[in-house]
Amino acid sequence: CAVICLCCFASCTKAQTPPLTEVYSSLEKVTNMPPMSVMPDDLISTLFGFDTAKFEEYVFAEASDPSVNADTIILIKLKDTADLNETCDTLSLYLESVKDNTQSYSPVNYAKTQSSAVTIIDNYIYLVITSEYLEAAQVIQDALHNGNTKSAVQTLVDE
């Protein structure tokens, strides 16, 4: 009886979401993803004004040569969902600035921004700018759901 009970409880445990560094590593396999470099904390603070102490986990990466590729990966797990709106607003403004800058000088990079969006899954937020956005978004969503069908995906779109 004890063994049967243990098996029943073991099958009810929720799968753990992998660390964001693991999710980021899996994105390196996405088609046409250029070589990426993880941003240091001081650059994150300078570019976005974020206090990274509000994040439980995070990965901010950009194309190794951002002057050629606008590709960006931002993955955040918030400590407190009270910071959700502020974080999303900042990332949305960043996406808009990338769109504005690339529209003027780089049609290829501008096209990458057109399908990109800030997306929320529970206390996770991500922004991916790449030509293969749908593939990258699916990789992230699969990793963050990880068996949790109750998670809701909310994508913030321009109005």
N, C-alpha and C. Protein backbone atom coordinates (compact mmCIF):
# COMPACT_ATOMS: atom_id res chain seq x y z
N CYS A 1 0.83 -1.21 0.00
CA CYS A 1 0.00 0.00 0.00
C CYS A 1 0.86 1.26 0.00
N ALA A 2 1.93 1.23 0.79
CA ALA A 2 2.80 2.40 0.88
C ALA A 2 3.44 2.70 -0.47
N VAL A 3 3.88 1.68 -1.18
CA VAL A 3 4.50 1.87 -2.49
C VAL A 3 3.51 2.45 -3.49
N ILE A 4 2.27 1.95 -3.46
CA ILE A 4 1.24 2.46 -4.37
C ILE A 4 0.96 3.93 -4.07
N CYS A 5 0.87 4.30 -2.80
CA CYS A 5 0.64 5.70 -2.42
C CYS A 5 1.79 6.59 -2.89
N LEU A 6 3.03 6.13 -2.71
CA LEU A 6 4.18 6.91 -3.16
C LEU A 6 4.16 7.11 -4.66
N CYS A 7 3.79 6.09 -5.41
CA CYS A 7 3.72 6.20 -6.87
C CYS A 7 2.64 7.20 -7.27
N CYS A 8 1.51 7.17 -6.59
CA CYS A 8 0.42 8.11 -6.91
C CYS A 8 0.86 9.55 -6.66
N PHE A 9 1.49 9.80 -5.52
CA PHE A 9 1.93 11.16 -5.20
C PHE A 9 3.05 11.60 -6.12
N ALA A 10 3.92 10.70 -6.48
CA ALA A 10 5.04 11.04 -7.37
C ALA A 10 4.52 11.47 -8.73
N SER A 11 3.45 10.86 -9.20
CA SER A 11 2.93 11.22 -10.52
C SER A 11 2.17 12.55 -10.50
N CYS A 12 1.84 13.06 -9.31
CA CYS A 12 1.10 14.31 -9.20
C CYS A 12 2.00 15.53 -9.09
N THR A 13 3.30 15.34 -8.95
CA THR A 13 4.18 16.48 -8.79
C THR A 13 4.29 17.26 -10.09
N LYS A 14 4.39 18.55 -9.96
CA LYS A 14 4.48 19.43 -11.12
C LYS A 14 5.93 19.45 -11.62
N ALA A 15 6.10 19.40 -12.91
CA ALA A 15 7.43 19.48 -13.49
C ALA A 15 8.03 20.85 -13.20
N GLN A 16 9.31 20.88 -12.95
CA GLN A 16 9.99 22.13 -12.65
C GLN A 16 10.33 22.87 -13.93
N THR A 17 10.17 24.18 -13.90
CA THR A 17 10.57 25.01 -15.03
C THR A 17 12.09 25.09 -15.03
N PRO A 18 12.72 24.90 -16.18
CA PRO A 18 14.18 24.96 -16.22
C PRO A 18 14.68 26.38 -15.94
N PRO A 19 15.91 26.51 -15.49
CA PRO A 19 16.48 27.85 -15.29
C PRO A 19 16.50 28.62 -16.61
N LEU A 20 16.40 29.93 -16.54
CA LEU A 20 16.38 30.74 -17.75
C LEU A 20 17.67 30.62 -18.57
N THR A 21 18.78 30.33 -17.91
CA THR A 21 20.02 30.12 -18.66
C THR A 21 19.90 28.89 -19.57
N GLU A 22 19.16 27.88 -19.10
CA GLU A 22 18.91 26.69 -19.92
C GLU A 22 17.98 27.02 -21.09
N VAL A 23 16.95 27.80 -20.82
CA VAL A 23 16.02 28.21 -21.87
C VAL A 23 16.79 29.01 -22.92
N TYR A 24 17.64 29.92 -22.47
CA TYR A 24 18.46 30.72 -23.39
C TYR A 24 19.35 29.82 -24.24
N SER A 25 19.99 28.85 -23.63
CA SER A 25 20.86 27.93 -24.37
C SER A 25 20.10 27.19 -25.46
N SER A 26 18.86 26.83 -25.17
CA SER A 26 18.07 26.12 -26.18
C SER A 26 17.72 27.03 -27.36
N LEU A 27 17.70 28.34 -27.14
CA LEU A 27 17.40 29.28 -28.23
C LEU A 27 18.56 29.42 -29.21
N GLU A 28 19.75 29.05 -28.79
CA GLU A 28 20.90 29.12 -29.69
C GLU A 28 20.76 28.17 -30.87
N LYS A 29 19.86 27.19 -30.75
CA LYS A 29 19.63 26.22 -31.82
C LYS A 29 18.56 26.68 -32.82
N VAL A 30 17.93 27.81 -32.54
CA VAL A 30 16.89 28.32 -33.43
C VAL A 30 17.51 28.69 -34.78
N THR A 31 16.83 28.36 -35.84
CA THR A 31 17.30 28.64 -37.20
C THR A 31 17.66 30.11 -37.36
N ASN A 32 18.77 30.37 -38.02
CA ASN A 32 19.24 31.72 -38.37
C ASN A 32 19.54 32.62 -37.18
N MET A 33 19.67 32.07 -35.98
CA MET A 33 20.02 32.90 -34.82
C MET A 33 21.50 33.25 -34.93
N PRO A 34 21.84 34.55 -34.95
CA PRO A 34 23.25 34.93 -35.04
C PRO A 34 23.96 34.64 -33.71
N PRO A 35 25.29 34.66 -33.71
CA PRO A 35 26.01 34.52 -32.44
C PRO A 35 25.54 35.62 -31.48
N MET A 36 25.29 35.24 -30.23
CA MET A 36 24.76 36.17 -29.24
C MET A 36 25.76 36.38 -28.11
N SER A 37 25.66 37.52 -27.45
CA SER A 37 26.47 37.84 -26.27
C SER A 37 25.55 38.26 -25.15
N VAL A 38 25.77 37.71 -23.97
CA VAL A 38 24.98 38.08 -22.79
C VAL A 38 25.43 39.46 -22.32
N MET A 39 24.46 40.32 -22.04
CA MET A 39 24.75 41.69 -21.59
C MET A 39 25.17 41.69 -20.12
N PRO A 40 26.18 42.47 -19.77
CA PRO A 40 26.54 42.61 -18.35
C PRO A 40 25.49 43.47 -17.63
N ASP A 41 25.43 43.32 -16.32
CA ASP A 41 24.43 44.04 -15.51
C ASP A 41 24.48 45.55 -15.71
N ASP A 42 25.69 46.12 -15.83
CA ASP A 42 25.76 47.59 -15.98
C ASP A 42 25.14 48.05 -17.30
N LEU A 43 25.25 47.24 -18.35
CA LEU A 43 24.62 47.60 -19.63
C LEU A 43 23.10 47.46 -19.53
N ILE A 44 22.63 46.45 -18.80
CA ILE A 44 21.18 46.28 -18.59
C ILE A 44 20.63 47.51 -17.86
N SER A 45 21.34 47.95 -16.85
CA SER A 45 20.90 49.14 -16.09
C SER A 45 20.93 50.39 -16.97
N THR A 46 21.96 50.53 -17.79
CA THR A 46 22.09 51.70 -18.65
C THR A 46 21.02 51.73 -19.73
N LEU A 47 20.84 50.60 -20.43
CA LEU A 47 19.89 50.55 -21.55
C LEU A 47 18.43 50.61 -21.10
N PHE A 48 18.13 49.92 -20.01
CA PHE A 48 16.73 49.75 -19.61
C PHE A 48 16.37 50.47 -18.31
N GLY A 49 17.34 50.77 -17.49
CA GLY A 49 17.07 51.38 -16.19
C GLY A 49 16.54 50.37 -15.17
N PHE A 50 16.73 49.08 -15.46
CA PHE A 50 16.22 48.05 -14.55
C PHE A 50 17.10 47.89 -13.32
N ASP A 51 16.45 47.65 -12.19
CA ASP A 51 17.13 47.20 -10.99
C ASP A 51 17.02 45.68 -11.02
N THR A 52 18.10 45.02 -11.37
CA THR A 52 18.05 43.56 -11.54
C THR A 52 17.79 42.82 -10.23
N ALA A 53 17.84 43.52 -9.11
CA ALA A 53 17.50 42.89 -7.83
C ALA A 53 16.01 42.51 -7.78
N LYS A 54 15.20 43.12 -8.66
CA LYS A 54 13.77 42.79 -8.73
C LYS A 54 13.50 41.49 -9.48
N PHE A 55 14.54 40.95 -10.11
CA PHE A 55 14.39 39.74 -10.90
C PHE A 55 14.91 38.54 -10.14
N GLU A 56 14.14 37.46 -10.18
CA GLU A 56 14.62 36.21 -9.58
C GLU A 56 15.69 35.60 -10.49
N GLU A 57 15.43 35.64 -11.78
CA GLU A 57 16.38 35.17 -12.79
C GLU A 57 16.24 36.07 -14.01
N TYR A 58 17.29 36.15 -14.80
CA TYR A 58 17.19 36.92 -16.05
C TYR A 58 18.34 36.58 -16.97
N VAL A 59 18.08 36.74 -18.26
CA VAL A 59 19.10 36.67 -19.30
C VAL A 59 18.77 37.77 -20.30
N PHE A 60 19.71 38.65 -20.53
CA PHE A 60 19.61 39.69 -21.55
C PHE A 60 20.75 39.43 -22.51
N ALA A 61 20.44 39.19 -23.78
CA ALA A 61 21.49 38.93 -24.76
C ALA A 61 21.15 39.66 -26.05
N GLU A 62 22.18 40.03 -26.78
CA GLU A 62 21.99 40.67 -28.06
C GLU A 62 22.98 40.05 -29.04
N ALA A 63 22.73 40.29 -30.31
CA ALA A 63 23.64 39.79 -31.34
C ALA A 63 25.05 40.28 -31.03
N SER A 64 26.02 39.41 -31.24
CA SER A 64 27.41 39.78 -30.96
C SER A 64 27.83 41.02 -31.72
N ASP A 65 27.22 41.24 -32.86
CA ASP A 65 27.47 42.46 -33.62
C ASP A 65 26.13 43.19 -33.81
N PRO A 66 25.69 43.95 -32.80
CA PRO A 66 24.38 44.60 -32.87
C PRO A 66 24.27 45.66 -33.96
N SER A 67 25.40 46.10 -34.51
CA SER A 67 25.33 47.08 -35.61
C SER A 67 24.86 46.41 -36.90
N VAL A 68 24.98 45.08 -36.97
CA VAL A 68 24.55 44.32 -38.15
C VAL A 68 23.21 43.63 -37.91
N ASN A 69 23.04 43.08 -36.72
CA ASN A 69 21.83 42.33 -36.38
C ASN A 69 21.13 42.94 -35.17
N ALA A 70 19.83 43.11 -35.27
CA ALA A 70 19.04 43.64 -34.15
C ALA A 70 18.58 42.52 -33.22
N ASP A 71 19.00 41.30 -33.47
CA ASP A 71 18.52 40.15 -32.70
C ASP A 71 18.79 40.35 -31.21
N THR A 72 17.75 40.12 -30.42
CA THR A 72 17.81 40.32 -28.98
C THR A 72 16.99 39.23 -28.30
N ILE A 73 17.49 38.76 -27.16
CA ILE A 73 16.75 37.81 -26.33
C ILE A 73 16.73 38.37 -24.92
N ILE A 74 15.53 38.57 -24.38
CA ILE A 74 15.37 39.03 -23.00
C ILE A 74 14.41 38.07 -22.31
N LEU A 75 14.89 37.43 -21.27
CA LEU A 75 14.10 36.49 -20.48
C LEU A 75 14.16 36.94 -19.02
N ILE A 76 13.02 37.13 -18.39
CA ILE A 76 12.98 37.63 -17.01
C ILE A 76 11.99 36.79 -16.20
N LYS A 77 12.40 36.44 -15.00
CA LYS A 77 11.48 35.87 -14.02
C LYS A 77 11.44 36.88 -12.88
N LEU A 78 10.28 37.49 -12.68
CA LEU A 78 10.11 38.50 -11.64
C LEU A 78 9.99 37.86 -10.26
N LYS A 79 10.57 38.53 -9.26
CA LYS A 79 10.37 38.09 -7.88
C LYS A 79 8.95 38.42 -7.43
N ASP A 80 8.46 39.59 -7.86
CA ASP A 80 7.16 40.08 -7.42
C ASP A 80 6.36 40.54 -8.65
N THR A 81 5.18 40.00 -8.82
CA THR A 81 4.36 40.37 -9.99
C THR A 81 3.89 41.83 -9.92
N ALA A 82 4.10 42.50 -8.80
CA ALA A 82 3.77 43.92 -8.71
C ALA A 82 4.66 44.74 -9.66
N ASP A 83 5.80 44.17 -10.07
CA ASP A 83 6.71 44.85 -10.99
C ASP A 83 6.41 44.52 -12.45
N LEU A 84 5.34 43.78 -12.69
CA LEU A 84 5.01 43.32 -14.03
C LEU A 84 4.76 44.46 -15.01
N ASN A 85 3.88 45.39 -14.68
CA ASN A 85 3.53 46.47 -15.59
C ASN A 85 4.72 47.35 -15.94
N GLU A 86 5.48 47.74 -14.94
CA GLU A 86 6.64 48.59 -15.18
C GLU A 86 7.66 47.90 -16.08
N THR A 87 7.91 46.63 -15.83
CA THR A 87 8.87 45.87 -16.63
C THR A 87 8.37 45.73 -18.07
N CYS A 88 7.11 45.40 -18.23
CA CYS A 88 6.53 45.27 -19.59
C CYS A 88 6.56 46.59 -20.33
N ASP A 89 6.23 47.67 -19.65
CA ASP A 89 6.25 48.99 -20.29
C ASP A 89 7.65 49.33 -20.79
N THR A 90 8.65 49.07 -19.96
CA THR A 90 10.03 49.37 -20.34
C THR A 90 10.44 48.54 -21.56
N LEU A 91 10.11 47.25 -21.56
CA LEU A 91 10.46 46.41 -22.71
C LEU A 91 9.69 46.81 -23.96
N SER A 92 8.44 47.22 -23.80
CA SER A 92 7.65 47.68 -24.95
C SER A 92 8.26 48.94 -25.56
N LEU A 93 8.69 49.85 -24.71
CA LEU A 93 9.36 51.07 -25.20
C LEU A 93 10.67 50.73 -25.91
N TYR A 94 11.39 49.76 -25.37
CA TYR A 94 12.63 49.33 -26.02
C TYR A 94 12.34 48.76 -27.41
N LEU A 95 11.33 47.90 -27.50
CA LEU A 95 10.97 47.31 -28.79
C LEU A 95 10.59 48.41 -29.78
N GLU A 96 9.82 49.38 -29.34
CA GLU A 96 9.43 50.49 -30.21
C GLU A 96 10.64 51.28 -30.69
N SER A 97 11.62 51.49 -29.81
CA SER A 97 12.82 52.23 -30.22
C SER A 97 13.63 51.44 -31.23
N VAL A 98 13.69 50.13 -31.07
CA VAL A 98 14.40 49.29 -32.05
C VAL A 98 13.67 49.35 -33.39
N LYS A 99 12.35 49.30 -33.36
CA LYS A 99 11.56 49.42 -34.60
C LYS A 99 11.84 50.75 -35.29
N ASP A 100 11.81 51.84 -34.52
CA ASP A 100 12.04 53.17 -35.09
C ASP A 100 13.44 53.28 -35.70
N ASN A 101 14.44 52.79 -34.98
CA ASN A 101 15.82 52.89 -35.46
C ASN A 101 16.06 52.03 -36.70
N THR A 102 15.53 50.83 -36.71
CA THR A 102 15.79 49.94 -37.84
C THR A 102 14.96 50.30 -39.07
N GLN A 103 13.82 50.91 -38.86
CA GLN A 103 12.98 51.29 -40.00
C GLN A 103 13.73 52.26 -40.92
N SER A 104 14.55 53.10 -40.34
CA SER A 104 15.27 54.11 -41.11
C SER A 104 16.46 53.56 -41.89
N TYR A 105 17.14 52.57 -41.33
CA TYR A 105 18.39 52.17 -41.97
C TYR A 105 18.53 50.69 -42.29
N SER A 106 17.64 49.83 -41.83
CA SER A 106 17.86 48.40 -42.04
C SER A 106 16.54 47.65 -42.23
N PRO A 107 16.08 47.55 -43.46
CA PRO A 107 14.82 46.82 -43.72
C PRO A 107 14.84 45.38 -43.21
N VAL A 108 15.99 44.73 -43.26
CA VAL A 108 16.09 43.34 -42.79
C VAL A 108 15.83 43.26 -41.29
N ASN A 109 16.47 44.16 -40.54
CA ASN A 109 16.27 44.17 -39.09
C ASN A 109 14.89 44.68 -38.72
N TYR A 110 14.38 45.64 -39.47
CA TYR A 110 13.03 46.13 -39.21
C TYR A 110 12.02 45.00 -39.37
N ALA A 111 12.19 44.17 -40.37
CA ALA A 111 11.29 43.03 -40.58
C ALA A 111 11.31 42.09 -39.37
N LYS A 112 12.45 41.96 -38.72
CA LYS A 112 12.55 41.09 -37.54
C LYS A 112 11.69 41.62 -36.39
N THR A 113 11.57 42.94 -36.30
CA THR A 113 10.82 43.53 -35.19
C THR A 113 9.32 43.42 -35.36
N GLN A 114 8.86 43.21 -36.58
CA GLN A 114 7.43 43.24 -36.87
C GLN A 114 6.64 42.13 -36.19
N SER A 115 7.24 40.96 -36.00
CA SER A 115 6.51 39.88 -35.34
C SER A 115 6.84 39.80 -33.85
N SER A 116 7.83 40.57 -33.41
CA SER A 116 8.26 40.53 -32.01
C SER A 116 7.25 41.21 -31.10
N ALA A 117 7.17 40.71 -29.87
CA ALA A 117 6.25 41.28 -28.89
C ALA A 117 6.72 40.94 -27.48
N VAL A 118 6.33 41.75 -26.53
CA VAL A 118 6.57 41.44 -25.12
C VAL A 118 5.50 40.43 -24.71
N THR A 119 5.93 39.33 -24.12
CA THR A 119 5.00 38.26 -23.76
C THR A 119 5.16 37.89 -22.29
N ILE A 120 4.01 37.62 -21.65
CA ILE A 120 3.97 37.29 -20.22
C ILE A 120 3.43 35.87 -20.06
N ILE A 121 4.11 35.08 -19.25
CA ILE A 121 3.62 33.77 -18.83
C ILE A 121 3.82 33.72 -17.32
N ASP A 122 2.73 33.82 -16.57
CA ASP A 122 2.79 33.87 -15.11
C ASP A 122 3.70 35.02 -14.67
N ASN A 123 4.81 34.73 -13.96
CA ASN A 123 5.71 35.80 -13.53
C ASN A 123 6.95 35.89 -14.43
N TYR A 124 6.86 35.31 -15.61
CA TYR A 124 7.93 35.40 -16.61
C TYR A 124 7.54 36.41 -17.67
N ILE A 125 8.53 37.13 -18.17
CA ILE A 125 8.34 38.07 -19.28
C ILE A 125 9.46 37.80 -20.27
N TYR A 126 9.11 37.79 -21.54
CA TYR A 126 10.18 37.68 -22.53
C TYR A 126 9.93 38.56 -23.73
N LEU A 127 11.04 38.95 -24.35
CA LEU A 127 11.04 39.68 -25.60
C LEU A 127 12.12 39.07 -26.46
N VAL A 128 11.75 38.62 -27.64
CA VAL A 128 12.72 38.06 -28.58
C VAL A 128 12.56 38.80 -29.90
N ILE A 129 13.66 39.30 -30.40
CA ILE A 129 13.68 39.93 -31.72
C ILE A 129 14.58 39.07 -32.59
N THR A 130 14.00 38.41 -33.56
CA THR A 130 14.75 37.56 -34.48
C THR A 130 13.88 37.27 -35.69
N SER A 131 14.50 36.87 -36.77
CA SER A 131 13.73 36.54 -37.97
C SER A 131 12.90 35.27 -37.78
N GLU A 132 13.28 34.45 -36.84
CA GLU A 132 12.56 33.20 -36.56
C GLU A 132 11.80 33.31 -35.25
N TYR A 133 11.05 34.41 -35.10
CA TYR A 133 10.35 34.69 -33.84
C TYR A 133 9.41 33.55 -33.43
N LEU A 134 8.63 33.04 -34.35
CA LEU A 134 7.64 32.00 -33.99
C LEU A 134 8.32 30.76 -33.43
N GLU A 135 9.41 30.34 -34.04
CA GLU A 135 10.15 29.18 -33.55
C GLU A 135 10.73 29.47 -32.16
N ALA A 136 11.33 30.64 -31.99
CA ALA A 136 11.93 31.01 -30.70
C ALA A 136 10.86 31.11 -29.61
N ALA A 137 9.74 31.75 -29.92
CA ALA A 137 8.65 31.89 -28.94
C ALA A 137 8.12 30.52 -28.53
N GLN A 138 8.04 29.61 -29.47
CA GLN A 138 7.55 28.26 -29.14
C GLN A 138 8.51 27.54 -28.20
N VAL A 139 9.81 27.68 -28.43
CA VAL A 139 10.81 27.08 -27.56
C VAL A 139 10.65 27.61 -26.14
N ILE A 140 10.49 28.93 -26.02
CA ILE A 140 10.35 29.55 -24.70
C ILE A 140 9.05 29.09 -24.03
N GLN A 141 7.95 29.14 -24.75
CA GLN A 141 6.67 28.75 -24.18
C GLN A 141 6.67 27.29 -23.74
N ASP A 142 7.25 26.42 -24.54
CA ASP A 142 7.33 25.00 -24.16
C ASP A 142 8.12 24.84 -22.87
N ALA A 143 9.22 25.56 -22.75
CA ALA A 143 10.06 25.45 -21.56
C ALA A 143 9.36 26.01 -20.32
N LEU A 144 8.70 27.15 -20.48
CA LEU A 144 8.07 27.79 -19.32
C LEU A 144 6.78 27.10 -18.89
N HIS A 145 6.07 26.51 -19.83
CA HIS A 145 4.87 25.74 -19.47
C HIS A 145 5.28 24.44 -18.80
N ASN A 146 6.20 23.74 -19.39
CA ASN A 146 6.77 22.51 -18.84
C ASN A 146 5.74 21.68 -18.09
N GLY A 147 4.66 21.37 -18.75
CA GLY A 147 3.65 20.51 -18.14
C GLY A 147 2.58 21.27 -17.38
N ASN A 148 2.71 22.57 -17.23
CA ASN A 148 1.72 23.35 -16.50
C ASN A 148 0.73 23.95 -17.49
N THR A 149 -0.37 23.28 -17.68
CA THR A 149 -1.35 23.72 -18.66
C THR A 149 -2.18 24.90 -18.16
N LYS A 150 -2.04 25.26 -16.89
CA LYS A 150 -2.81 26.37 -16.34
C LYS A 150 -2.16 27.72 -16.63
N SER A 151 -0.92 27.73 -17.08
CA SER A 151 -0.25 28.99 -17.37
C SER A 151 -0.92 29.69 -18.54
N ALA A 152 -1.11 30.97 -18.40
CA ALA A 152 -1.73 31.75 -19.46
C ALA A 152 -0.63 32.57 -20.16
N VAL A 153 -0.71 32.63 -21.47
CA VAL A 153 0.23 33.42 -22.25
C VAL A 153 -0.47 34.69 -22.66
N GLN A 154 0.15 35.81 -22.33
CA GLN A 154 -0.40 37.11 -22.71
C GLN A 154 0.64 37.85 -23.52
N THR A 155 0.30 38.19 -24.74
CA THR A 155 1.22 38.92 -25.62
C THR A 155 0.74 40.36 -25.71
N LEU A 156 1.65 41.28 -25.45
CA LEU A 156 1.33 42.70 -25.54
C LEU A 156 1.58 43.14 -26.97
N VAL A 157 0.57 43.70 -27.60
CA VAL A 157 0.69 44.14 -28.98
C VAL A 157 0.44 45.63 -29.07
N ASP A 158 0.97 46.22 -30.14
CA ASP A 158 0.77 47.66 -30.36
C ASP A 158 -0.70 47.94 -30.59
N GLU A 159 -1.14 49.07 -30.09
CA GLU A 159 -2.54 49.46 -30.33
C GLU A 159 -2.58 50.68 -31.20
